[in-house]
Amino acid sequence: MPLCFLEYPKCSTCQKAKRWLIQNGIQFLDRHIIENPPRISEINDWIALSKQPIRKFFNTSGILYRNLLLKDKLQFLSDEEKIKLLCSNGMLIKRPLLISNNFVLIGFDERLWQITLLK
């Protein structure tokens, strides 16, 4: 499976990450996280593959996250409710996401991307 790059094109971090992928000659499939949000099954797969807690997938600096007061509410939601919430609006998901068969990278950490992709 080729790399899947989930992004919100207006996000400056996504733009920076996309430039990095292109500059390093890494091929990927581009997916607009708002127009084509993840399904519940995908989020479940990504959580398992990433070995990260669900909360790492939330865009905690986003306006929607703050407007929904999720900082206070997430601790009271079940994992199933959190996953449904993530699938309800791509703006709630930390981005970009880079997905392969072997890993999930959440957000753009250039050092981690180099270690993972430029072995």
PDB file of N, CA and C in Angstrom:
ATOM      1  N   MET A   1       0.845  -1.183   0.000  1.00  0.00           N
ATOM      2  CA  MET A   1       0.000   0.000   0.000  1.00  0.00           C
ATOM      3  C   MET A   1       0.887   1.242   0.000  1.00  0.00           C
ATOM      4  N   PRO A   2       0.645   2.165  -0.908  1.00  0.00           N
ATOM      5  CA  PRO A   2       1.413   3.415  -0.865  1.00  0.00           C
ATOM      6  C   PRO A   2       1.038   4.220   0.380  1.00  0.00           C
ATOM      7  N   LEU A   3       1.908   5.132   0.735  1.00  0.00           N
ATOM      8  CA  LEU A   3       1.625   5.993   1.876  1.00  0.00           C
ATOM      9  C   LEU A   3       0.371   6.805   1.614  1.00  0.00           C
ATOM     10  N   CYS A   4      -0.430   6.975   2.643  1.00  0.00           N
ATOM     11  CA  CYS A   4      -1.617   7.814   2.565  1.00  0.00           C
ATOM     12  C   CYS A   4      -1.354   9.046   3.430  1.00  0.00           C
ATOM     13  N   PHE A   5      -1.460  10.210   2.828  1.00  0.00           N
ATOM     14  CA  PHE A   5      -1.209  11.484   3.497  1.00  0.00           C
ATOM     15  C   PHE A   5      -2.551  12.183   3.703  1.00  0.00           C
ATOM     16  N   LEU A   6      -3.014  12.207   4.947  1.00  0.00           N
ATOM     17  CA  LEU A   6      -4.271  12.874   5.267  1.00  0.00           C
ATOM     18  C   LEU A   6      -3.970  14.293   5.690  1.00  0.00           C
ATOM     19  N   GLU A   7      -4.608  15.230   5.007  1.00  0.00           N
ATOM     20  CA  GLU A   7      -4.302  16.633   5.249  1.00  0.00           C
ATOM     21  C   GLU A   7      -5.531  17.509   5.126  1.00  0.00           C
ATOM     22  N   TYR A   8      -5.396  18.698   5.685  1.00  0.00           N
ATOM     23  CA  TYR A   8      -6.310  19.792   5.428  1.00  0.00           C
ATOM     24  C   TYR A   8      -5.464  20.795   4.655  1.00  0.00           C
ATOM     25  N   PRO A   9      -5.726  20.992   3.368  1.00  0.00           N
ATOM     26  CA  PRO A   9      -4.828  21.772   2.513  1.00  0.00           C
ATOM     27  C   PRO A   9      -4.522  23.196   2.990  1.00  0.00           C
ATOM     28  N   LYS A  10      -5.398  23.795   3.771  1.00  0.00           N
ATOM     29  CA  LYS A  10      -5.156  25.159   4.250  1.00  0.00           C
ATOM     30  C   LYS A  10      -4.279  25.192   5.507  1.00  0.00           C
ATOM     31  N   CYS A  11      -3.993  24.041   6.071  1.00  0.00           N
ATOM     32  CA  CYS A  11      -3.182  23.932   7.287  1.00  0.00           C
ATOM     33  C   CYS A  11      -1.705  24.118   6.933  1.00  0.00           C
ATOM     34  N   SER A  12      -1.056  25.063   7.585  1.00  0.00           N
ATOM     35  CA  SER A  12       0.346  25.346   7.272  1.00  0.00           C
ATOM     36  C   SER A  12       1.260  24.170   7.617  1.00  0.00           C
ATOM     37  N   THR A  13       0.950  23.439   8.667  1.00  0.00           N
ATOM     38  CA  THR A  13       1.756  22.267   9.022  1.00  0.00           C
ATOM     39  C   THR A  13       1.613  21.179   7.966  1.00  0.00           C
ATOM     40  N   CYS A  14       0.408  21.010   7.461  1.00  0.00           N
ATOM     41  CA  CYS A  14       0.184  20.033   6.381  1.00  0.00           C
ATOM     42  C   CYS A  14       0.946  20.444   5.128  1.00  0.00           C
ATOM     43  N   GLN A  15       0.924  21.722   4.810  1.00  0.00           N
ATOM     44  CA  GLN A  15       1.647  22.223   3.643  1.00  0.00           C
ATOM     45  C   GLN A  15       3.146  21.970   3.790  1.00  0.00           C
ATOM     46  N   LYS A  16       3.675  22.217   4.969  1.00  0.00           N
ATOM     47  CA  LYS A  16       5.102  21.992   5.231  1.00  0.00           C
ATOM     48  C   LYS A  16       5.447  20.504   5.100  1.00  0.00           C
ATOM     49  N   ALA A  17       4.606  19.658   5.661  1.00  0.00           N
ATOM     50  CA  ALA A  17       4.838  18.216   5.593  1.00  0.00           C
ATOM     51  C   ALA A  17       4.766  17.711   4.153  1.00  0.00           C
ATOM     52  N   LYS A  18       3.822  18.221   3.399  1.00  0.00           N
ATOM     53  CA  LYS A  18       3.675  17.810   2.000  1.00  0.00           C
ATOM     54  C   LYS A  18       4.909  18.226   1.194  1.00  0.00           C
ATOM     55  N   ARG A  19       5.388  19.445   1.416  1.00  0.00           N
ATOM     56  CA  ARG A  19       6.621  19.898   0.744  1.00  0.00           C
ATOM     57  C   ARG A  19       7.780  18.975   1.095  1.00  0.00           C
ATOM     58  N   TRP A  20       7.868  18.592   2.358  1.00  0.00           N
ATOM     59  CA  TRP A  20       8.945  17.718   2.810  1.00  0.00           C
ATOM     60  C   TRP A  20       8.877  16.379   2.074  1.00  0.00           C
ATOM     61  N   LEU A  21       7.691  15.798   1.973  1.00  0.00           N
ATOM     62  CA  LEU A  21       7.532  14.525   1.261  1.00  0.00           C
ATOM     63  C   LEU A  21       7.980  14.656  -0.194  1.00  0.00           C
ATOM     64  N   ILE A  22       7.539  15.714  -0.849  1.00  0.00           N
ATOM     65  CA  ILE A  22       7.884  15.933  -2.262  1.00  0.00           C
ATOM     66  C   ILE A  22       9.390  16.151  -2.416  1.00  0.00           C
ATOM     67  N   GLN A  23       9.976  16.988  -1.563  1.00  0.00           N
ATOM     68  CA  GLN A  23      11.417  17.270  -1.646  1.00  0.00           C
ATOM     69  C   GLN A  23      12.256  16.020  -1.423  1.00  0.00           C
ATOM     70  N   ASN A  24      11.738  15.080  -0.659  1.00  0.00           N
ATOM     71  CA  ASN A  24      12.471  13.849  -0.373  1.00  0.00           C
ATOM     72  C   ASN A  24      12.082  12.704  -1.304  1.00  0.00           C
ATOM     73  N   GLY A  25      11.312  13.026  -2.329  1.00  0.00           N
ATOM     74  CA  GLY A  25      10.962  12.029  -3.347  1.00  0.00           C
ATOM     75  C   GLY A  25      10.100  10.893  -2.842  1.00  0.00           C
ATOM     76  N   ILE A  26       9.296  11.150  -1.836  1.00  0.00           N
ATOM     77  CA  ILE A  26       8.447  10.108  -1.258  1.00  0.00           C
ATOM     78  C   ILE A  26       7.066  10.178  -1.899  1.00  0.00           C
ATOM     79  N   GLN A  27       6.660   9.076  -2.495  1.00  0.00           N
ATOM     80  CA  GLN A  27       5.359   9.026  -3.159  1.00  0.00           C
ATOM     81  C   GLN A  27       4.267   8.756  -2.134  1.00  0.00           C
ATOM     82  N   PHE A  28       3.125   9.378  -2.352  1.00  0.00           N
ATOM     83  CA  PHE A  28       2.014   9.231  -1.421  1.00  0.00           C
ATOM     84  C   PHE A  28       0.701   9.509  -2.142  1.00  0.00           C
ATOM     85  N   LEU A  29      -0.359   9.010  -1.555  1.00  0.00           N
ATOM     86  CA  LEU A  29      -1.713   9.340  -1.991  1.00  0.00           C
ATOM     87  C   LEU A  29      -2.224  10.433  -1.066  1.00  0.00           C
ATOM     88  N   ASP A  30      -2.752  11.476  -1.656  1.00  0.00           N
ATOM     89  CA  ASP A  30      -3.241  12.622  -0.908  1.00  0.00           C
ATOM     90  C   ASP A  30      -4.721  12.433  -0.585  1.00  0.00           C
ATOM     91  N   ARG A  31      -5.103  12.727   0.644  1.00  0.00           N
ATOM     92  CA  ARG A  31      -6.507  12.590   1.054  1.00  0.00           C
ATOM     93  C   ARG A  31      -6.903  13.808   1.884  1.00  0.00           C
ATOM     94  N   HIS A  32      -7.920  14.489   1.435  1.00  0.00           N
ATOM     95  CA  HIS A  32      -8.454  15.680   2.116  1.00  0.00           C
ATOM     96  C   HIS A  32      -9.269  15.193   3.319  1.00  0.00           C
ATOM     97  N   ILE A  33      -8.824  15.533   4.511  1.00  0.00           N
ATOM     98  CA  ILE A  33      -9.405  14.979   5.734  1.00  0.00           C
ATOM     99  C   ILE A  33     -10.827  15.479   6.006  1.00  0.00           C
ATOM    100  N   ILE A  34     -11.195  16.609   5.402  1.00  0.00           N
ATOM    101  CA  ILE A  34     -12.551  17.138   5.587  1.00  0.00           C
ATOM    102  C   ILE A  34     -13.503  16.538   4.545  1.00  0.00           C
ATOM    103  N   GLU A  35     -13.070  16.530   3.301  1.00  0.00           N
ATOM    104  CA  GLU A  35     -13.915  15.989   2.233  1.00  0.00           C
ATOM    105  C   GLU A  35     -14.045  14.475   2.304  1.00  0.00           C
ATOM    106  N   ASN A  36     -13.032  13.819   2.853  1.00  0.00           N
ATOM    107  CA  ASN A  36     -13.013  12.362   2.930  1.00  0.00           C
ATOM    108  C   ASN A  36     -12.540  11.943   4.327  1.00  0.00           C
ATOM    109  N   PRO A  37     -13.381  12.182   5.351  1.00  0.00           N
ATOM    110  CA  PRO A  37     -12.967  11.871   6.720  1.00  0.00           C
ATOM    111  C   PRO A  37     -12.829  10.370   6.943  1.00  0.00           C
ATOM    112  N   PRO A  38     -12.035   9.991   7.918  1.00  0.00           N
ATOM    113  CA  PRO A  38     -11.836   8.566   8.187  1.00  0.00           C
ATOM    114  C   PRO A  38     -13.104   7.888   8.698  1.00  0.00           C
ATOM    115  N   ARG A  39     -13.192   6.617   8.389  1.00  0.00           N
ATOM    116  CA  ARG A  39     -14.280   5.785   8.907  1.00  0.00           C
ATOM    117  C   ARG A  39     -13.849   5.227  10.270  1.00  0.00           C
ATOM    118  N   ILE A  40     -14.816   4.750  11.008  1.00  0.00           N
ATOM    119  CA  ILE A  40     -14.546   4.187  12.334  1.00  0.00           C
ATOM    120  C   ILE A  40     -13.528   3.055  12.233  1.00  0.00           C
ATOM    121  N   SER A  41     -13.694   2.185  11.251  1.00  0.00           N
ATOM    122  CA  SER A  41     -12.770   1.052  11.099  1.00  0.00           C
ATOM    123  C   SER A  41     -11.340   1.537  10.840  1.00  0.00           C
ATOM    124  N   GLU A  42     -11.207   2.607  10.066  1.00  0.00           N
ATOM    125  CA  GLU A  42      -9.868   3.148   9.797  1.00  0.00           C
ATOM    126  C   GLU A  42      -9.233   3.697  11.073  1.00  0.00           C
ATOM    127  N   ILE A  43      -9.988   4.475  11.820  1.00  0.00           N
ATOM    128  CA  ILE A  43      -9.459   5.037  13.068  1.00  0.00           C
ATOM    129  C   ILE A  43      -9.042   3.911  14.006  1.00  0.00           C
ATOM    130  N   ASN A  44      -9.867   2.875  14.119  1.00  0.00           N
ATOM    131  CA  ASN A  44      -9.513   1.732  14.970  1.00  0.00           C
ATOM    132  C   ASN A  44      -8.202   1.092  14.513  1.00  0.00           C
ATOM    133  N   ASP A  45      -8.063   0.905  13.209  1.00  0.00           N
ATOM    134  CA  ASP A  45      -6.835   0.315  12.666  1.00  0.00           C
ATOM    135  C   ASP A  45      -5.628   1.206  12.966  1.00  0.00           C
ATOM    136  N   TRP A  46      -5.787   2.510  12.775  1.00  0.00           N
ATOM    137  CA  TRP A  46      -4.668   3.444  12.973  1.00  0.00           C
ATOM    138  C   TRP A  46      -4.247   3.510  14.438  1.00  0.00           C
ATOM    139  N   ILE A  47      -5.204   3.463  15.329  1.00  0.00           N
ATOM    140  CA  ILE A  47      -4.879   3.484  16.757  1.00  0.00           C
ATOM    141  C   ILE A  47      -4.070   2.239  17.109  1.00  0.00           C
ATOM    142  N   ALA A  48      -4.536   1.096  16.638  1.00  0.00           N
ATOM    143  CA  ALA A  48      -3.821  -0.160  16.921  1.00  0.00           C
ATOM    144  C   ALA A  48      -2.416  -0.136  16.329  1.00  0.00           C
ATOM    145  N   LEU A  49      -2.290   0.311  15.094  1.00  0.00           N
ATOM    146  CA  LEU A  49      -0.993   0.334  14.411  1.00  0.00           C
ATOM    147  C   LEU A  49      -0.032   1.343  15.050  1.00  0.00           C
ATOM    148  N   SER A  50      -0.563   2.481  15.472  1.00  0.00           N
ATOM    149  CA  SER A  50       0.290   3.531  16.038  1.00  0.00           C
ATOM    150  C   SER A  50       0.736   3.215  17.457  1.00  0.00           C
ATOM    151  N   LYS A  51      -0.041   2.380  18.152  1.00  0.00           N
ATOM    152  CA  LYS A  51       0.206   2.079  19.566  1.00  0.00           C
ATOM    153  C   LYS A  51       0.146   3.353  20.429  1.00  0.00           C
ATOM    154  N   GLN A  52      -0.611   4.326  19.949  1.00  0.00           N
ATOM    155  CA  GLN A  52      -0.807   5.588  20.664  1.00  0.00           C
ATOM    156  C   GLN A  52      -2.215   5.621  21.251  1.00  0.00           C
ATOM    157  N   PRO A  53      -2.389   6.343  22.360  1.00  0.00           N
ATOM    158  CA  PRO A  53      -3.745   6.481  22.895  1.00  0.00           C
ATOM    159  C   PRO A  53      -4.610   7.320  21.950  1.00  0.00           C
ATOM    160  N   ILE A  54      -5.893   7.124  22.023  1.00  0.00           N
ATOM    161  CA  ILE A  54      -6.829   7.833  21.150  1.00  0.00           C
ATOM    162  C   ILE A  54      -6.650   9.338  21.270  1.00  0.00           C
ATOM    163  N   ARG A  55      -6.368   9.834  22.456  1.00  0.00           N
ATOM    164  CA  ARG A  55      -6.264  11.288  22.657  1.00  0.00           C
ATOM    165  C   ARG A  55      -5.191  11.919  21.781  1.00  0.00           C
ATOM    166  N   LYS A  56      -4.186  11.147  21.369  1.00  0.00           N
ATOM    167  CA  LYS A  56      -3.132  11.668  20.496  1.00  0.00           C
ATOM    168  C   LYS A  56      -3.652  12.025  19.110  1.00  0.00           C
ATOM    169  N   PHE A  57      -4.792  11.468  18.744  1.00  0.00           N
ATOM    170  CA  PHE A  57      -5.375  11.725  17.431  1.00  0.00           C
ATOM    171  C   PHE A  57      -6.223  13.003  17.399  1.00  0.00           C
ATOM    172  N   PHE A  58      -6.435  13.613  18.543  1.00  0.00           N
ATOM    173  CA  PHE A  58      -7.250  14.830  18.594  1.00  0.00           C
ATOM    174  C   PHE A  58      -6.400  16.066  18.345  1.00  0.00           C
ATOM    175  N   ASN A  59      -6.938  16.971  17.547  1.00  0.00           N
ATOM    176  CA  ASN A  59      -6.313  18.263  17.262  1.00  0.00           C
ATOM    177  C   ASN A  59      -6.632  19.208  18.417  1.00  0.00           C
ATOM    178  N   THR A  60      -5.852  19.115  19.482  1.00  0.00           N
ATOM    179  CA  THR A  60      -6.147  19.857  20.704  1.00  0.00           C
ATOM    180  C   THR A  60      -5.961  21.363  20.558  1.00  0.00           C
ATOM    181  N   SER A  61      -5.293  21.795  19.509  1.00  0.00           N
ATOM    182  CA  SER A  61      -5.120  23.236  19.293  1.00  0.00           C
ATOM    183  C   SER A  61      -6.170  23.808  18.342  1.00  0.00           C
ATOM    184  N   GLY A  62      -7.076  22.961  17.882  1.00  0.00           N
ATOM    185  CA  GLY A  62      -8.076  23.396  16.912  1.00  0.00           C
ATOM    186  C   GLY A  62      -9.239  24.156  17.536  1.00  0.00           C
ATOM    187  N   ILE A  63      -9.822  25.011  16.743  1.00  0.00           N
ATOM    188  CA  ILE A  63     -10.961  25.824  17.180  1.00  0.00           C
ATOM    189  C   ILE A  63     -12.145  24.944  17.558  1.00  0.00           C
ATOM    190  N   LEU A  64     -12.442  23.933  16.737  1.00  0.00           N
ATOM    191  CA  LEU A  64     -13.581  23.061  17.007  1.00  0.00           C
ATOM    192  C   LEU A  64     -13.392  22.310  18.324  1.00  0.00           C
ATOM    193  N   TYR A  65     -12.192  21.837  18.568  1.00  0.00           N
ATOM    194  CA  TYR A  65     -11.873  21.140  19.820  1.00  0.00           C
ATOM    195  C   TYR A  65     -12.184  22.049  21.007  1.00  0.00           C
ATOM    196  N   ARG A  66     -11.751  23.294  20.916  1.00  0.00           N
ATOM    197  CA  ARG A  66     -11.994  24.253  22.003  1.00  0.00           C
ATOM    198  C   ARG A  66     -13.470  24.607  22.109  1.00  0.00           C
ATOM    199  N   ASN A  67     -14.129  24.843  20.967  1.00  0.00           N
ATOM    200  CA  ASN A  67     -15.557  25.202  20.992  1.00  0.00           C
ATOM    201  C   ASN A  67     -16.427  24.110  21.593  1.00  0.00           C
ATOM    202  N   LEU A  68     -16.035  22.865  21.376  1.00  0.00           N
ATOM    203  CA  LEU A  68     -16.791  21.733  21.927  1.00  0.00           C
ATOM    204  C   LEU A  68     -16.393  21.408  23.370  1.00  0.00           C
ATOM    205  N   LEU A  69     -15.440  22.174  23.911  1.00  0.00           N
ATOM    206  CA  LEU A  69     -14.953  21.992  25.289  1.00  0.00           C
ATOM    207  C   LEU A  69     -14.455  20.567  25.531  1.00  0.00           C
ATOM    208  N   LEU A  70     -13.796  20.020  24.539  1.00  0.00           N
ATOM    209  CA  LEU A  70     -13.358  18.628  24.620  1.00  0.00           C
ATOM    210  C   LEU A  70     -12.251  18.408  25.649  1.00  0.00           C
ATOM    211  N   LYS A  71     -11.512  19.437  25.964  1.00  0.00           N
ATOM    212  CA  LYS A  71     -10.469  19.287  26.990  1.00  0.00           C
ATOM    213  C   LYS A  71     -11.076  18.752  28.283  1.00  0.00           C
ATOM    214  N   ASP A  72     -12.260  19.234  28.590  1.00  0.00           N
ATOM    215  CA  ASP A  72     -12.937  18.810  29.820  1.00  0.00           C
ATOM    216  C   ASP A  72     -13.792  17.564  29.629  1.00  0.00           C
ATOM    217  N   LYS A  73     -14.276  17.329  28.423  1.00  0.00           N
ATOM    218  CA  LYS A  73     -15.233  16.250  28.177  1.00  0.00           C
ATOM    219  C   LYS A  73     -14.601  14.913  27.814  1.00  0.00           C
ATOM    220  N   LEU A  74     -13.423  14.926  27.167  1.00  0.00           N
ATOM    221  CA  LEU A  74     -12.850  13.673  26.646  1.00  0.00           C
ATOM    222  C   LEU A  74     -12.661  12.615  27.720  1.00  0.00           C
ATOM    223  N   GLN A  75     -12.275  13.036  28.901  1.00  0.00           N
ATOM    224  CA  GLN A  75     -11.994  12.060  29.956  1.00  0.00           C
ATOM    225  C   GLN A  75     -13.233  11.256  30.363  1.00  0.00           C
ATOM    226  N   PHE A  76     -14.411  11.787  30.053  1.00  0.00           N
ATOM    227  CA  PHE A  76     -15.653  11.117  30.427  1.00  0.00           C
ATOM    228  C   PHE A  76     -16.264  10.297  29.293  1.00  0.00           C
ATOM    229  N   LEU A  77     -15.648  10.339  28.119  1.00  0.00           N
ATOM    230  CA  LEU A  77     -16.153   9.600  26.970  1.00  0.00           C
ATOM    231  C   LEU A  77     -15.502   8.230  26.874  1.00  0.00           C
ATOM    232  N   SER A  78     -16.253   7.253  26.395  1.00  0.00           N
ATOM    233  CA  SER A  78     -15.685   5.928  26.145  1.00  0.00           C
ATOM    234  C   SER A  78     -14.802   6.003  24.905  1.00  0.00           C
ATOM    235  N   ASP A  79     -13.981   4.987  24.699  1.00  0.00           N
ATOM    236  CA  ASP A  79     -13.145   4.945  23.493  1.00  0.00           C
ATOM    237  C   ASP A  79     -14.017   4.958  22.243  1.00  0.00           C
ATOM    238  N   GLU A  80     -15.122   4.234  22.284  1.00  0.00           N
ATOM    239  CA  GLU A  80     -16.033   4.196  21.137  1.00  0.00           C
ATOM    240  C   GLU A  80     -16.596   5.591  20.841  1.00  0.00           C
ATOM    241  N   GLU A  81     -16.969   6.318  21.872  1.00  0.00           N
ATOM    242  CA  GLU A  81     -17.494   7.673  21.686  1.00  0.00           C
ATOM    243  C   GLU A  81     -16.421   8.616  21.134  1.00  0.00           C
ATOM    244  N   LYS A  82     -15.196   8.464  21.597  1.00  0.00           N
ATOM    245  CA  LYS A  82     -14.087   9.300  21.103  1.00  0.00           C
ATOM    246  C   LYS A  82     -13.848   9.039  19.617  1.00  0.00           C
ATOM    247  N   ILE A  83     -13.869   7.774  19.234  1.00  0.00           N
ATOM    248  CA  ILE A  83     -13.634   7.410  17.835  1.00  0.00           C
ATOM    249  C   ILE A  83     -14.765   7.940  16.954  1.00  0.00           C
ATOM    250  N   LYS A  84     -16.000   7.816  17.405  1.00  0.00           N
ATOM    251  CA  LYS A  84     -17.128   8.364  16.643  1.00  0.00           C
ATOM    252  C   LYS A  84     -16.990   9.877  16.499  1.00  0.00           C
ATOM    253  N   LEU A  85     -16.537  10.524  17.531  1.00  0.00           N
ATOM    254  CA  LEU A  85     -16.333  11.972  17.494  1.00  0.00           C
ATOM    255  C   LEU A  85     -15.262  12.337  16.465  1.00  0.00           C
ATOM    256  N   LEU A  86     -14.156  11.606  16.459  1.00  0.00           N
ATOM    257  CA  LEU A  86     -13.097  11.855  15.475  1.00  0.00           C
ATOM    258  C   LEU A  86     -13.624  11.704  14.051  1.00  0.00           C
ATOM    259  N   CYS A  87     -14.467  10.720  13.838  1.00  0.00           N
ATOM    260  CA  CYS A  87     -15.003  10.474  12.501  1.00  0.00           C
ATOM    261  C   CYS A  87     -16.071  11.487  12.097  1.00  0.00           C
ATOM    262  N   SER A  88     -16.605  12.192  13.051  1.00  0.00           N
ATOM    263  CA  SER A  88     -17.699  13.127  12.764  1.00  0.00           C
ATOM    264  C   SER A  88     -17.227  14.393  12.064  1.00  0.00           C
ATOM    265  N   ASN A  89     -15.941  14.750  12.247  1.00  0.00           N
ATOM    266  CA  ASN A  89     -15.431  15.980  11.638  1.00  0.00           C
ATOM    267  C   ASN A  89     -13.911  15.901  11.565  1.00  0.00           C
ATOM    268  N   GLY A  90     -13.384  15.955  10.345  1.00  0.00           N
ATOM    269  CA  GLY A  90     -11.938  15.862  10.145  1.00  0.00           C
ATOM    270  C   GLY A  90     -11.146  16.952  10.849  1.00  0.00           C
ATOM    271  N   MET A  91     -11.800  18.073  11.182  1.00  0.00           N
ATOM    272  CA  MET A  91     -11.095  19.157  11.868  1.00  0.00           C
ATOM    273  C   MET A  91     -10.729  18.777  13.307  1.00  0.00           C
ATOM    274  N   LEU A  92     -11.318  17.714  13.825  1.00  0.00           N
ATOM    275  CA  LEU A  92     -10.981  17.269  15.173  1.00  0.00           C
ATOM    276  C   LEU A  92      -9.724  16.407  15.207  1.00  0.00           C
ATOM    277  N   ILE A  93      -9.266  15.985  14.036  1.00  0.00           N
ATOM    278  CA  ILE A  93      -8.132  15.062  13.959  1.00  0.00           C
ATOM    279  C   ILE A  93      -6.833  15.835  13.809  1.00  0.00           C
ATOM    280  N   LYS A  94      -5.851  15.450  14.607  1.00  0.00           N
ATOM    281  CA  LYS A  94      -4.519  16.053  14.485  1.00  0.00           C
ATOM    282  C   LYS A  94      -3.968  15.696  13.120  1.00  0.00           C
ATOM    283  N   ARG A  95      -3.398  16.679  12.492  1.00  0.00           N
ATOM    284  CA  ARG A  95      -2.915  16.466  11.137  1.00  0.00           C
ATOM    285  C   ARG A  95      -1.559  17.112  10.949  1.00  0.00           C
ATOM    286  N   PRO A  96      -0.888  16.664   9.914  1.00  0.00           N
ATOM    287  CA  PRO A  96      -1.263  15.603   8.988  1.00  0.00           C
ATOM    288  C   PRO A  96      -1.115  14.226   9.633  1.00  0.00           C
ATOM    289  N   LEU A  97      -1.715  13.257   8.990  1.00  0.00           N
ATOM    290  CA  LEU A  97      -1.509  11.855   9.327  1.00  0.00           C
ATOM    291  C   LEU A  97      -0.828  11.212   8.132  1.00  0.00           C
ATOM    292  N   LEU A  98       0.165  10.405   8.412  1.00  0.00           N
ATOM    293  CA  LEU A  98       0.830   9.647   7.359  1.00  0.00           C
ATOM    294  C   LEU A  98       0.680   8.174   7.719  1.00  0.00           C
ATOM    295  N   ILE A  99       0.022   7.445   6.838  1.00  0.00           N
ATOM    296  CA  ILE A  99      -0.373   6.060   7.120  1.00  0.00           C
ATOM    297  C   ILE A  99       0.299   5.118   6.129  1.00  0.00           C
ATOM    298  N   SER A 100       0.846   4.043   6.662  1.00  0.00           N
ATOM    299  CA  SER A 100       1.355   2.953   5.822  1.00  0.00           C
ATOM    300  C   SER A 100       0.857   1.643   6.425  1.00  0.00           C
ATOM    301  N   ASN A 101       1.284   0.533   5.839  1.00  0.00           N
ATOM    302  CA  ASN A 101       0.938  -0.770   6.420  1.00  0.00           C
ATOM    303  C   ASN A 101       1.676  -1.018   7.729  1.00  0.00           C
ATOM    304  N   ASN A 102       2.782  -0.275   7.948  1.00  0.00           N
ATOM    305  CA  ASN A 102       3.657  -0.554   9.086  1.00  0.00           C
ATOM    306  C   ASN A 102       3.659   0.512  10.171  1.00  0.00           C
ATOM    307  N   PHE A 103       3.146   1.689   9.875  1.00  0.00           N
ATOM    308  CA  PHE A 103       3.204   2.775  10.858  1.00  0.00           C
ATOM    309  C   PHE A 103       2.135   3.824  10.597  1.00  0.00           C
ATOM    310  N   VAL A 104       1.918   4.623  11.625  1.00  0.00           N
ATOM    311  CA  VAL A 104       1.063   5.803  11.548  1.00  0.00           C
ATOM    312  C   VAL A 104       1.848   6.939  12.199  1.00  0.00           C
ATOM    313  N   LEU A 105       2.030   8.019  11.445  1.00  0.00           N
ATOM    314  CA  LEU A 105       2.680   9.204  12.002  1.00  0.00           C
ATOM    315  C   LEU A 105       1.613  10.269  12.192  1.00  0.00           C
ATOM    316  N   ILE A 106       1.531  10.793  13.417  1.00  0.00           N
ATOM    317  CA  ILE A 106       0.505  11.764  13.788  1.00  0.00           C
ATOM    318  C   ILE A 106       1.170  13.123  13.925  1.00  0.00           C
ATOM    319  N   GLY A 107       0.754  14.083  13.096  1.00  0.00           N
ATOM    320  CA  GLY A 107       1.388  15.395  13.113  1.00  0.00           C
ATOM    321  C   GLY A 107       2.701  15.341  12.357  1.00  0.00           C
ATOM    322  N   PHE A 108       3.306  16.509  12.165  1.00  0.00           N
ATOM    323  CA  PHE A 108       4.567  16.562  11.424  1.00  0.00           C
ATOM    324  C   PHE A 108       5.721  16.860  12.366  1.00  0.00           C
ATOM    325  N   ASP A 109       6.503  15.837  12.627  1.00  0.00           N
ATOM    326  CA  ASP A 109       7.738  15.946  13.392  1.00  0.00           C
ATOM    327  C   ASP A 109       8.837  15.542  12.412  1.00  0.00           C
ATOM    328  N   GLU A 110       9.525  16.520  11.855  1.00  0.00           N
ATOM    329  CA  GLU A 110      10.469  16.258  10.770  1.00  0.00           C
ATOM    330  C   GLU A 110      11.513  15.212  11.144  1.00  0.00           C
ATOM    331  N   ARG A 111      12.030  15.275  12.353  1.00  0.00           N
ATOM    332  CA  ARG A 111      13.039  14.308  12.786  1.00  0.00           C
ATOM    333  C   ARG A 111      12.469  12.888  12.764  1.00  0.00           C
ATOM    334  N   LEU A 112      11.264  12.725  13.298  1.00  0.00           N
ATOM    335  CA  LEU A 112      10.632  11.409  13.316  1.00  0.00           C
ATOM    336  C   LEU A 112      10.315  10.920  11.906  1.00  0.00           C
ATOM    337  N   TRP A 113       9.870  11.826  11.044  1.00  0.00           N
ATOM    338  CA  TRP A 113       9.592  11.455   9.661  1.00  0.00           C
ATOM    339  C   TRP A 113      10.870  11.019   8.961  1.00  0.00           C
ATOM    340  N   GLN A 114      11.975  11.711   9.219  1.00  0.00           N
ATOM    341  CA  GLN A 114      13.273  11.326   8.605  1.00  0.00           C
ATOM    342  C   GLN A 114      13.669   9.925   9.068  1.00  0.00           C
ATOM    343  N   ILE A 115      13.586   9.689  10.362  1.00  0.00           N
ATOM    344  CA  ILE A 115      13.966   8.378  10.917  1.00  0.00           C
ATOM    345  C   ILE A 115      13.087   7.272  10.327  1.00  0.00           C
ATOM    346  N   THR A 116      11.820   7.544  10.191  1.00  0.00           N
ATOM    347  CA  THR A 116      10.866   6.532   9.732  1.00  0.00           C
ATOM    348  C   THR A 116      10.923   6.310   8.223  1.00  0.00           C
ATOM    349  N   LEU A 117      11.089   7.392   7.456  1.00  0.00           N
ATOM    350  CA  LEU A 117      10.950   7.299   6.000  1.00  0.00           C
ATOM    351  C   LEU A 117      12.264   7.266   5.224  1.00  0.00           C
ATOM    352  N   LEU A 118      13.320   7.775   5.822  1.00  0.00           N
ATOM    353  CA  LEU A 118      14.589   7.870   5.081  1.00  0.00           C
ATOM    354  C   LEU A 118      15.646   6.937   5.650  1.00  0.00           C
ATOM    355  N   LYS A 119      15.253   5.738   6.011  1.00  0.00           N
ATOM    356  CA  LYS A 119      16.170   4.751   6.604  1.00  0.00           C
ATOM    357  C   LYS A 119      17.284   4.398   5.638  1.00  0.00           C
TER     358      LYS A 119
END
